[in-house]
Amino acid sequence: MAKYRYKVRDQGGRLVEGEMEAQSETELVGKLRKMGYIITGISLAPATHGITLGDFFSRVKHVGTEDMILFNIQLSDMLDAGLGLLACLRTISSQVENRRFKDLIEDISLRIETGTSLSEAMEVHPRYFSKLKISMVRAGEASGNLALVLKRLAELDESELDLKQKVNSALLYPSVLFFAAVVVIIFIVTFIIPQFAEIFLKAGVPLPLLTRILHAVGLAIKDYWYLLILGIVVLLFCVRIYVNTKNGRLTYDKFKLALPITGPLIRKASISRFARTLATLSASGVNILESLEILEGAIGNEVLSRVIKTVQEAVRQGSKISEPLKISGEFPPDTIQMIAAGEETGNLDGMLSKVADLYDSAVGYSIKKLTTLLEPIFLVIMGGIVASVMASILLPMFDLVKVLRR
């Protein structure tokens, strides 16, 4: 397969240049014409010795949430301006630098050219377009409000990304502190305490129990570090396999929600995701049962996923959403009351959006509170550990002084 350079004009008369791989020049001409371009020039791309660094990064770079947000915003704005869907996709494709994303958009364009709808073209790429996104786009196509739905989809992705970044930043600080503490403790136990222990033993000073324990741990780490690393790797591998099972995932998610400090933060973030996603799906014209089915797989927590499954079954039998949510005990009373009020007034979408906004604010406040609380807690824990280590050194040192005085 050869790489060709091409110069073409789109339906608006704008010049577009680029490179594309094809088996032959004839195949390339066919591809470009299918995309609606008027060809002005084709030539073989200059041969290169291997792949360039820029080309390599362009090809291996993944399609991130930011790329999808920008894509949805651009497509929504262009459709609002009156451009056709194919023209919009071709214009966006010509501006995208990420090679993988460009190929994705071009493939969607070719499928639409053959009569496929946008939602059907997206279904071919489940790696990039979730069931939630496809359902929203399908509802937008059916209602004639595709531009509005794409805008809502971009807003939903932005909210999700912002929430994820907030939670990750909150959990990063304690993780770094914990890692630093472990490294310092291992260093002291492995290198410092054995040296002092050797001095004390040579002087005939009996070691206290705490010193003997830390000394034994240090020697074990020093002599059998490879077994320790192997054990940790095997343990993590087994945990990962278990967590990937349904029961394992449920146990892990229950554990996360039950944690004393980070658990409430994770719960608030999950409730915000539940409310905003359900509001967006419902406002986009997706029926409530389909919305709940999509949300069951998109919530990201097996505990809440099972609650949503129960809600689906209750709604099929004619129940309101708020009733099974209340029975589950996983949602706070104020959330249940707001959802119930939305159902009573016929403004469920609006009330769910308010719930999401409320919990977004709560997540922000919890993060500030978390960072304020964690620092003194870790300082106390670290102080206790350091004090214990120092005691294991100082206690026999006092005995050594007594021996030297005799």
Protein backbone atom coordinates (compact mmCIF):
# COMPACT_ATOMS: atom_id res chain seq x y z
CA MET A 1 0.00 0.00 0.00
CA ALA A 2 1.42 3.39 -1.05
CA LYS A 3 0.99 6.79 0.51
CA TYR A 4 -0.26 9.62 -1.73
CA ARG A 5 -0.48 13.36 -1.36
CA TYR A 6 -3.64 14.98 -2.64
CA LYS A 7 -5.03 18.45 -3.27
CA VAL A 8 -8.81 18.74 -3.50
CA ARG A 9 -11.60 21.26 -3.12
CA ASP A 10 -14.65 20.64 -0.97
CA GLN A 11 -18.23 21.56 -1.91
CA GLY A 12 -17.65 25.07 -0.60
CA GLY A 13 -14.67 25.56 -2.93
CA ARG A 14 -12.09 25.50 -0.13
CA LEU A 15 -8.69 23.93 -0.82
CA VAL A 16 -7.92 20.83 1.25
CA GLU A 17 -4.52 19.12 1.27
CA GLY A 18 -3.54 15.86 2.92
CA GLU A 19 -2.07 12.39 2.67
CA MET A 20 -3.84 9.04 2.39
CA GLU A 21 -2.80 5.43 1.89
CA ALA A 22 -4.27 3.43 -1.01
CA GLN A 23 -3.48 0.36 -3.11
CA SER A 24 -3.37 2.51 -6.25
CA GLU A 25 -4.04 6.01 -7.51
CA THR A 26 -7.36 4.78 -8.94
CA GLU A 27 -8.47 3.57 -5.51
CA LEU A 28 -7.51 6.93 -3.98
CA VAL A 29 -9.50 8.82 -6.63
CA GLY A 30 -12.54 6.68 -5.81
CA LYS A 31 -12.18 7.35 -2.09
CA LEU A 32 -11.85 11.11 -2.55
CA ARG A 33 -14.81 11.30 -4.93
CA LYS A 34 -16.96 9.31 -2.49
CA MET A 35 -16.10 11.93 0.13
CA GLY A 36 -17.45 14.61 -2.23
CA TYR A 37 -14.13 16.25 -3.08
CA ILE A 38 -13.15 17.76 -6.45
CA ILE A 39 -9.62 16.49 -7.17
CA THR A 40 -7.03 19.02 -8.32
CA GLY A 41 -3.84 17.03 -7.86
CA ILE A 42 -2.44 13.66 -6.70
CA SER A 43 1.18 12.60 -6.27
CA LEU A 44 3.15 9.94 -4.44
CA ALA A 45 4.29 11.07 -1.00
CA PRO A 46 8.11 11.25 -0.68
CA ALA A 47 9.58 8.03 0.68
CA THR A 48 10.87 8.25 4.24
CA HIS A 49 13.35 6.01 6.02
CA GLY A 50 11.01 4.61 8.62
CA ILE A 51 8.26 6.50 10.35
CA THR A 52 8.83 10.05 11.57
CA LEU A 53 8.46 10.83 15.27
CA GLY A 54 5.54 13.20 14.61
CA ASP A 55 3.75 10.63 12.46
CA PHE A 56 4.35 7.95 15.09
CA PHE A 57 2.79 10.01 17.89
CA SER A 58 -0.08 11.03 15.62
CA ARG A 59 -0.91 7.38 14.98
CA VAL A 60 -0.51 6.04 18.53
CA LYS A 61 -2.30 8.95 20.19
CA HIS A 62 -5.65 7.77 21.50
CA VAL A 63 -8.96 9.53 20.92
CA GLY A 64 -9.66 11.19 24.25
CA THR A 65 -12.72 12.75 25.86
CA GLU A 66 -11.44 16.22 24.93
CA ASP A 67 -11.36 15.18 21.24
CA MET A 68 -14.95 13.96 21.45
CA ILE A 69 -16.12 17.12 23.21
CA LEU A 70 -14.59 19.32 20.50
CA PHE A 71 -16.01 17.05 17.76
CA ASN A 72 -19.55 17.28 19.17
CA ILE A 73 -19.33 21.06 19.64
CA GLN A 74 -18.02 21.64 16.10
CA LEU A 75 -20.57 19.29 14.54
CA SER A 76 -23.42 20.88 16.52
CA ASP A 77 -22.40 24.43 15.56
CA MET A 78 -22.01 23.56 11.86
CA LEU A 79 -25.39 21.80 11.74
CA ASP A 80 -26.97 24.81 13.45
CA ALA A 81 -25.41 27.00 10.75
CA GLY A 82 -27.27 25.00 8.08
CA LEU A 83 -24.44 22.85 6.69
CA GLY A 84 -25.16 19.27 5.66
CA LEU A 85 -23.92 16.41 7.84
CA LEU A 86 -21.41 15.14 5.26
CA ALA A 87 -19.98 18.61 4.65
CA CYS A 88 -19.60 19.10 8.41
CA LEU A 89 -17.76 15.81 8.87
CA ARG A 90 -15.41 16.47 5.94
CA THR A 91 -14.57 19.94 7.23
CA ILE A 92 -13.85 18.60 10.73
CA SER A 93 -11.77 15.74 9.29
CA SER A 94 -9.60 18.18 7.33
CA GLN A 95 -8.81 20.08 10.55
CA VAL A 96 -8.03 17.08 12.79
CA GLU A 97 -4.34 16.32 13.38
CA ASN A 98 -4.82 13.08 15.35
CA ARG A 99 -4.41 10.43 12.64
CA ARG A 100 -6.52 7.85 14.45
CA PHE A 101 -9.37 10.32 14.98
CA LYS A 102 -9.14 11.52 11.35
CA ASP A 103 -9.48 7.91 10.13
CA LEU A 104 -12.49 7.44 12.41
CA ILE A 105 -14.28 10.53 11.06
CA GLU A 106 -13.45 9.58 7.45
CA ASP A 107 -14.87 6.09 7.99
CA ILE A 108 -18.09 7.57 9.40
CA SER A 109 -18.27 9.93 6.40
CA LEU A 110 -17.91 7.07 3.93
CA ARG A 111 -20.66 5.08 5.67
CA ILE A 112 -23.02 8.08 5.65
CA GLU A 113 -22.21 8.56 1.95
CA THR A 114 -23.61 5.07 1.30
CA GLY A 115 -26.89 5.90 3.07
CA THR A 116 -26.11 4.92 6.67
CA SER A 117 -27.34 7.21 9.46
CA LEU A 118 -24.89 8.84 11.88
CA SER A 119 -26.01 6.64 14.78
CA GLU A 120 -25.61 3.48 12.67
CA ALA A 121 -22.12 4.59 11.57
CA MET A 122 -21.22 5.18 15.23
CA GLU A 123 -22.41 1.68 16.19
CA VAL A 124 -19.58 0.22 14.08
CA HIS A 125 -17.10 1.87 16.49
CA PRO A 126 -18.19 0.87 20.04
CA ARG A 127 -14.68 1.64 21.29
CA TYR A 128 -15.27 5.34 20.68
CA PHE A 129 -19.05 5.68 20.91
CA SER A 130 -20.83 4.22 23.93
CA LYS A 131 -24.39 2.94 23.91
CA LEU A 132 -25.38 6.15 25.71
CA LYS A 133 -24.01 8.37 22.92
CA ILE A 134 -25.48 6.25 20.14
CA SER A 135 -28.94 6.27 21.75
CA MET A 136 -28.85 10.04 22.19
CA VAL A 137 -27.80 10.59 18.56
CA ARG A 138 -30.50 8.18 17.35
CA ALA A 139 -33.12 10.09 19.38
CA GLY A 140 -31.81 13.37 17.94
CA GLU A 141 -32.07 12.03 14.39
CA ALA A 142 -35.64 10.84 15.00
CA SER A 143 -36.75 14.17 16.51
CA GLY A 144 -34.86 16.38 14.04
CA ASN A 145 -32.87 17.94 16.90
CA LEU A 146 -29.47 16.37 16.19
CA ALA A 147 -27.57 19.64 16.70
CA LEU A 148 -29.18 20.18 20.12
CA VAL A 149 -28.51 16.58 21.17
CA LEU A 150 -24.85 16.84 20.14
CA LYS A 151 -24.56 20.02 22.20
CA ARG A 152 -26.06 18.23 25.22
CA LEU A 153 -23.70 15.33 24.64
CA ALA A 154 -20.72 17.71 24.68
CA GLU A 155 -21.98 19.30 27.91
CA LEU A 156 -22.43 15.86 29.48
CA ASP A 157 -18.87 14.85 28.52
CA GLU A 158 -17.52 18.14 29.88
CA SER A 159 -19.31 17.61 33.20
CA GLU A 160 -18.07 14.01 33.40
CA LEU A 161 -14.50 15.04 32.61
CA ASP A 162 -14.56 17.86 35.17
CA LEU A 163 -15.98 15.55 37.84
CA LYS A 164 -13.43 12.83 37.09
CA GLN A 165 -10.55 15.31 37.28
CA LYS A 166 -11.81 16.66 40.61
CA VAL A 167 -12.06 13.19 42.17
CA ASN A 168 -8.69 12.08 40.78
CA SER A 169 -6.97 15.22 42.06
CA ALA A 170 -8.49 14.64 45.51
CA LEU A 171 -7.27 11.03 45.63
CA LEU A 172 -3.83 11.83 44.20
CA TYR A 173 -2.58 13.72 47.28
CA PRO A 174 -3.17 10.93 49.83
CA SER A 175 -1.79 8.38 47.35
CA VAL A 176 1.47 10.32 46.98
CA LEU A 177 1.78 10.78 50.75
CA PHE A 178 1.17 7.08 51.35
CA PHE A 179 3.74 6.06 48.72
CA ALA A 180 6.33 8.46 50.16
CA ALA A 181 5.69 7.13 53.68
CA VAL A 182 6.14 3.52 52.55
CA VAL A 183 9.43 4.34 50.75
CA VAL A 184 10.84 6.16 53.81
CA ILE A 185 9.83 3.37 56.20
CA ILE A 186 11.32 0.65 53.97
CA PHE A 187 14.58 2.63 53.72
CA ILE A 188 14.85 3.08 57.50
CA VAL A 189 13.91 -0.52 58.30
CA THR A 190 16.16 -2.00 55.60
CA PHE A 191 19.31 0.13 55.90
CA ILE A 192 19.32 2.20 59.11
CA ILE A 193 18.02 -0.17 61.79
CA PRO A 194 20.24 -3.17 60.77
CA GLN A 195 23.36 -0.99 61.15
CA PHE A 196 22.38 0.13 64.64
CA ALA A 197 21.30 -3.41 65.56
CA GLU A 198 24.73 -4.75 64.57
CA ILE A 199 26.43 -2.16 66.82
CA PHE A 200 24.18 -3.03 69.76
CA LEU A 201 24.67 -6.79 69.36
CA LYS A 202 28.48 -6.43 69.18
CA ALA A 203 28.38 -4.40 72.40
CA GLY A 204 26.31 -7.14 74.07
CA VAL A 205 23.22 -4.96 74.43
CA PRO A 206 19.95 -6.98 74.32
CA LEU A 207 17.52 -5.67 71.71
CA PRO A 208 13.96 -4.74 72.78
CA LEU A 209 11.05 -6.60 71.13
CA LEU A 210 10.17 -3.66 68.82
CA THR A 211 13.78 -3.42 67.59
CA ARG A 212 13.99 -7.19 67.03
CA ILE A 213 10.79 -7.16 64.99
CA LEU A 214 11.87 -4.23 62.79
CA HIS A 215 15.36 -5.72 62.43
CA ALA A 216 13.90 -9.06 61.28
CA VAL A 217 11.58 -7.29 58.82
CA GLY A 218 14.50 -5.25 57.44
CA LEU A 219 16.69 -8.34 56.94
CA ALA A 220 13.83 -10.20 55.27
CA ILE A 221 13.24 -7.33 52.83
CA LYS A 222 16.97 -7.04 52.12
CA ASP A 223 17.56 -10.77 51.57
CA TYR A 224 14.28 -11.75 49.91
CA TRP A 225 13.21 -8.56 48.11
CA TYR A 226 12.63 -10.47 44.87
CA LEU A 227 10.17 -12.81 46.60
CA LEU A 228 8.40 -9.80 48.12
CA ILE A 229 8.04 -8.15 44.70
CA LEU A 230 6.88 -11.43 43.16
CA GLY A 231 4.33 -11.87 45.95
CA ILE A 232 2.98 -8.34 45.47
CA VAL A 233 2.70 -8.85 41.68
CA VAL A 234 0.89 -12.20 42.13
CA LEU A 235 -1.43 -10.68 44.76
CA LEU A 236 -2.30 -7.72 42.52
CA PHE A 237 -2.88 -10.06 39.58
CA CYS A 238 -5.24 -12.25 41.63
CA VAL A 239 -7.08 -9.20 42.98
CA ARG A 240 -7.49 -7.85 39.45
CA ILE A 241 -8.92 -11.16 38.21
CA TYR A 242 -11.35 -11.26 41.14
CA VAL A 243 -12.41 -7.63 40.67
CA ASN A 244 -13.18 -8.35 37.00
CA THR A 245 -15.81 -10.89 38.08
CA LYS A 246 -19.35 -9.70 38.86
CA ASN A 247 -19.18 -10.57 42.57
CA GLY A 248 -15.64 -9.24 42.84
CA ARG A 249 -16.66 -5.94 41.29
CA LEU A 250 -19.59 -5.68 43.69
CA THR A 251 -17.33 -6.35 46.70
CA TYR A 252 -14.76 -3.82 45.48
CA ASP A 253 -17.37 -1.10 44.86
CA LYS A 254 -18.98 -1.75 48.26
CA PHE A 255 -15.55 -1.38 49.84
CA LYS A 256 -14.95 1.93 48.03
CA LEU A 257 -18.29 3.35 49.16
CA ALA A 258 -17.69 2.19 52.76
CA LEU A 259 -14.30 3.91 53.13
CA PRO A 260 -14.51 6.53 55.90
CA ILE A 261 -13.02 9.53 54.07
CA THR A 262 -13.12 8.90 50.32
CA GLY A 263 -16.32 6.80 50.34
CA PRO A 264 -18.76 9.75 50.67
CA LEU A 265 -16.89 11.59 47.91
CA ILE A 266 -17.20 8.63 45.52
CA ARG A 267 -20.90 8.27 46.36
CA LYS A 268 -21.59 11.96 45.66
CA ALA A 269 -19.74 11.76 42.34
CA SER A 270 -21.74 8.64 41.35
CA ILE A 271 -25.09 10.27 42.26
CA SER A 272 -24.13 13.34 40.21
CA ARG A 273 -23.30 11.09 37.24
CA PHE A 274 -26.60 9.23 37.66
CA ALA A 275 -28.70 12.41 37.77
CA ARG A 276 -26.96 14.28 34.94
CA THR A 277 -26.85 11.31 32.57
CA LEU A 278 -30.50 10.41 33.15
CA ALA A 279 -31.53 14.06 32.71
CA THR A 280 -29.57 14.37 29.45
CA LEU A 281 -30.93 11.11 28.02
CA SER A 282 -34.51 11.98 28.94
CA ALA A 283 -34.25 15.55 27.60
CA SER A 284 -32.83 14.17 24.32
CA GLY A 285 -35.94 12.05 23.76
CA VAL A 286 -34.71 8.65 24.93
CA ASN A 287 -37.53 6.83 26.74
CA ILE A 288 -37.13 6.22 30.47
CA LEU A 289 -36.68 2.43 30.31
CA GLU A 290 -33.99 2.66 27.63
CA SER A 291 -32.33 5.48 29.59
CA LEU A 292 -32.19 3.33 32.74
CA GLU A 293 -30.83 0.38 30.76
CA ILE A 294 -28.05 2.56 29.33
CA LEU A 295 -27.35 4.10 32.73
CA GLU A 296 -27.02 0.66 34.32
CA GLY A 297 -23.88 0.03 32.27
CA ALA A 298 -22.57 3.60 32.39
CA ILE A 299 -22.77 4.43 36.11
CA GLY A 300 -19.36 2.89 36.86
CA ASN A 301 -20.34 1.34 40.21
CA GLU A 302 -21.76 -2.18 40.56
CA VAL A 303 -23.67 -1.31 43.76
CA LEU A 304 -25.58 1.53 42.08
CA SER A 305 -25.82 -0.45 38.84
CA ARG A 306 -27.84 -3.11 40.68
CA VAL A 307 -30.05 -0.42 42.20
CA ILE A 308 -30.75 0.96 38.69
CA LYS A 309 -31.62 -2.56 37.48
CA THR A 310 -34.17 -2.79 40.33
CA VAL A 311 -35.55 0.61 39.31
CA GLN A 312 -35.99 -0.64 35.72
CA GLU A 313 -38.04 -3.61 36.89
CA ALA A 314 -40.17 -1.37 39.13
CA VAL A 315 -40.80 1.16 36.33
CA ARG A 316 -41.88 -1.67 33.99
CA GLN A 317 -44.53 -2.54 36.57
CA GLY A 318 -45.77 1.06 36.69
CA SER A 319 -43.78 2.39 39.64
CA LYS A 320 -42.13 5.81 39.82
CA ILE A 321 -38.33 6.13 39.87
CA SER A 322 -38.21 7.65 43.35
CA GLU A 323 -39.93 4.70 45.08
CA PRO A 324 -37.35 1.92 44.37
CA LEU A 325 -34.52 4.43 44.88
CA LYS A 326 -35.85 5.11 48.38
CA ILE A 327 -36.15 1.39 49.17
CA SER A 328 -32.55 0.75 48.05
CA GLY A 329 -31.10 2.93 50.81
CA GLU A 330 -28.21 3.95 48.54
CA PHE A 331 -29.52 7.45 47.76
CA PRO A 332 -29.83 10.25 50.37
CA PRO A 333 -33.36 11.38 51.38
CA ASP A 334 -32.96 14.88 49.91
CA THR A 335 -32.14 13.37 46.50
CA ILE A 336 -35.20 11.12 46.67
CA GLN A 337 -37.41 14.08 47.61
CA MET A 338 -36.14 16.21 44.70
CA ILE A 339 -36.67 13.38 42.19
CA ALA A 340 -40.15 12.70 43.58
CA ALA A 341 -40.99 16.42 43.27
CA GLY A 342 -39.82 16.36 39.64
CA GLU A 343 -42.06 13.37 38.91
CA GLU A 344 -45.06 15.05 40.56
CA THR A 345 -44.63 18.32 38.65
CA GLY A 346 -43.73 16.69 35.32
CA ASN A 347 -40.29 18.34 35.35
CA LEU A 348 -38.09 15.31 36.01
CA ASP A 349 -35.36 16.44 33.58
CA GLY A 350 -35.03 19.83 35.24
CA MET A 351 -35.04 18.40 38.76
CA LEU A 352 -32.42 15.77 37.88
CA SER A 353 -30.21 18.55 36.47
CA LYS A 354 -30.59 20.42 39.78
CA VAL A 355 -29.64 17.27 41.69
CA ALA A 356 -26.53 16.91 39.49
CA ASP A 357 -25.57 20.57 40.03
CA LEU A 358 -26.09 20.18 43.78
CA TYR A 359 -23.84 17.14 43.97
CA ASP A 360 -21.21 18.69 41.70
CA SER A 361 -20.97 21.51 44.24
CA ALA A 362 -20.92 18.96 47.07
CA VAL A 363 -18.03 17.12 45.40
CA GLY A 364 -16.06 20.37 45.14
CA TYR A 365 -16.68 21.14 48.82
CA SER A 366 -15.81 17.57 49.86
CA ILE A 367 -12.52 17.76 47.97
CA LYS A 368 -11.53 20.94 49.81
CA LYS A 369 -12.54 19.34 53.11
CA LEU A 370 -10.69 16.13 52.23
CA THR A 371 -7.41 17.88 51.47
CA THR A 372 -7.75 19.89 54.70
CA LEU A 373 -8.35 16.76 56.80
CA LEU A 374 -5.86 14.39 55.20
CA GLU A 375 -2.73 16.44 55.83
CA PRO A 376 -2.95 16.46 59.66
CA ILE A 377 -4.13 12.82 59.68
CA PHE A 378 -1.13 11.70 57.66
CA LEU A 379 1.20 13.83 59.76
CA VAL A 380 -0.10 12.13 62.93
CA ILE A 381 0.25 8.67 61.36
CA MET A 382 3.73 9.43 60.02
CA GLY A 383 4.69 10.93 63.38
CA GLY A 384 3.58 7.74 65.13
CA ILE A 385 5.53 5.54 62.71
CA VAL A 386 8.67 7.67 62.96
CA ALA A 387 8.36 7.73 66.76
CA SER A 388 8.13 3.92 66.81
CA VAL A 389 11.18 3.58 64.57
CA MET A 390 13.15 6.08 66.65
CA ALA A 391 12.14 4.24 69.82
CA SER A 392 13.48 1.00 68.36
CA ILE A 393 16.86 2.76 67.96
CA LEU A 394 16.94 4.90 71.12
CA LEU A 395 15.83 2.25 73.64
CA PRO A 396 18.83 -0.05 73.04
CA MET A 397 21.05 3.04 72.76
CA PHE A 398 20.21 3.93 76.37
CA ASP A 399 21.19 0.39 77.37
CA LEU A 400 24.43 0.80 75.39
CA VAL A 401 25.27 3.95 77.34
CA LYS A 402 24.74 2.03 80.60
CA VAL A 403 27.07 -0.74 79.41
CA LEU A 404 29.79 1.76 78.45
CA ARG A 405 29.61 3.45 81.85
CA ARG A 406 30.40 0.20 83.70
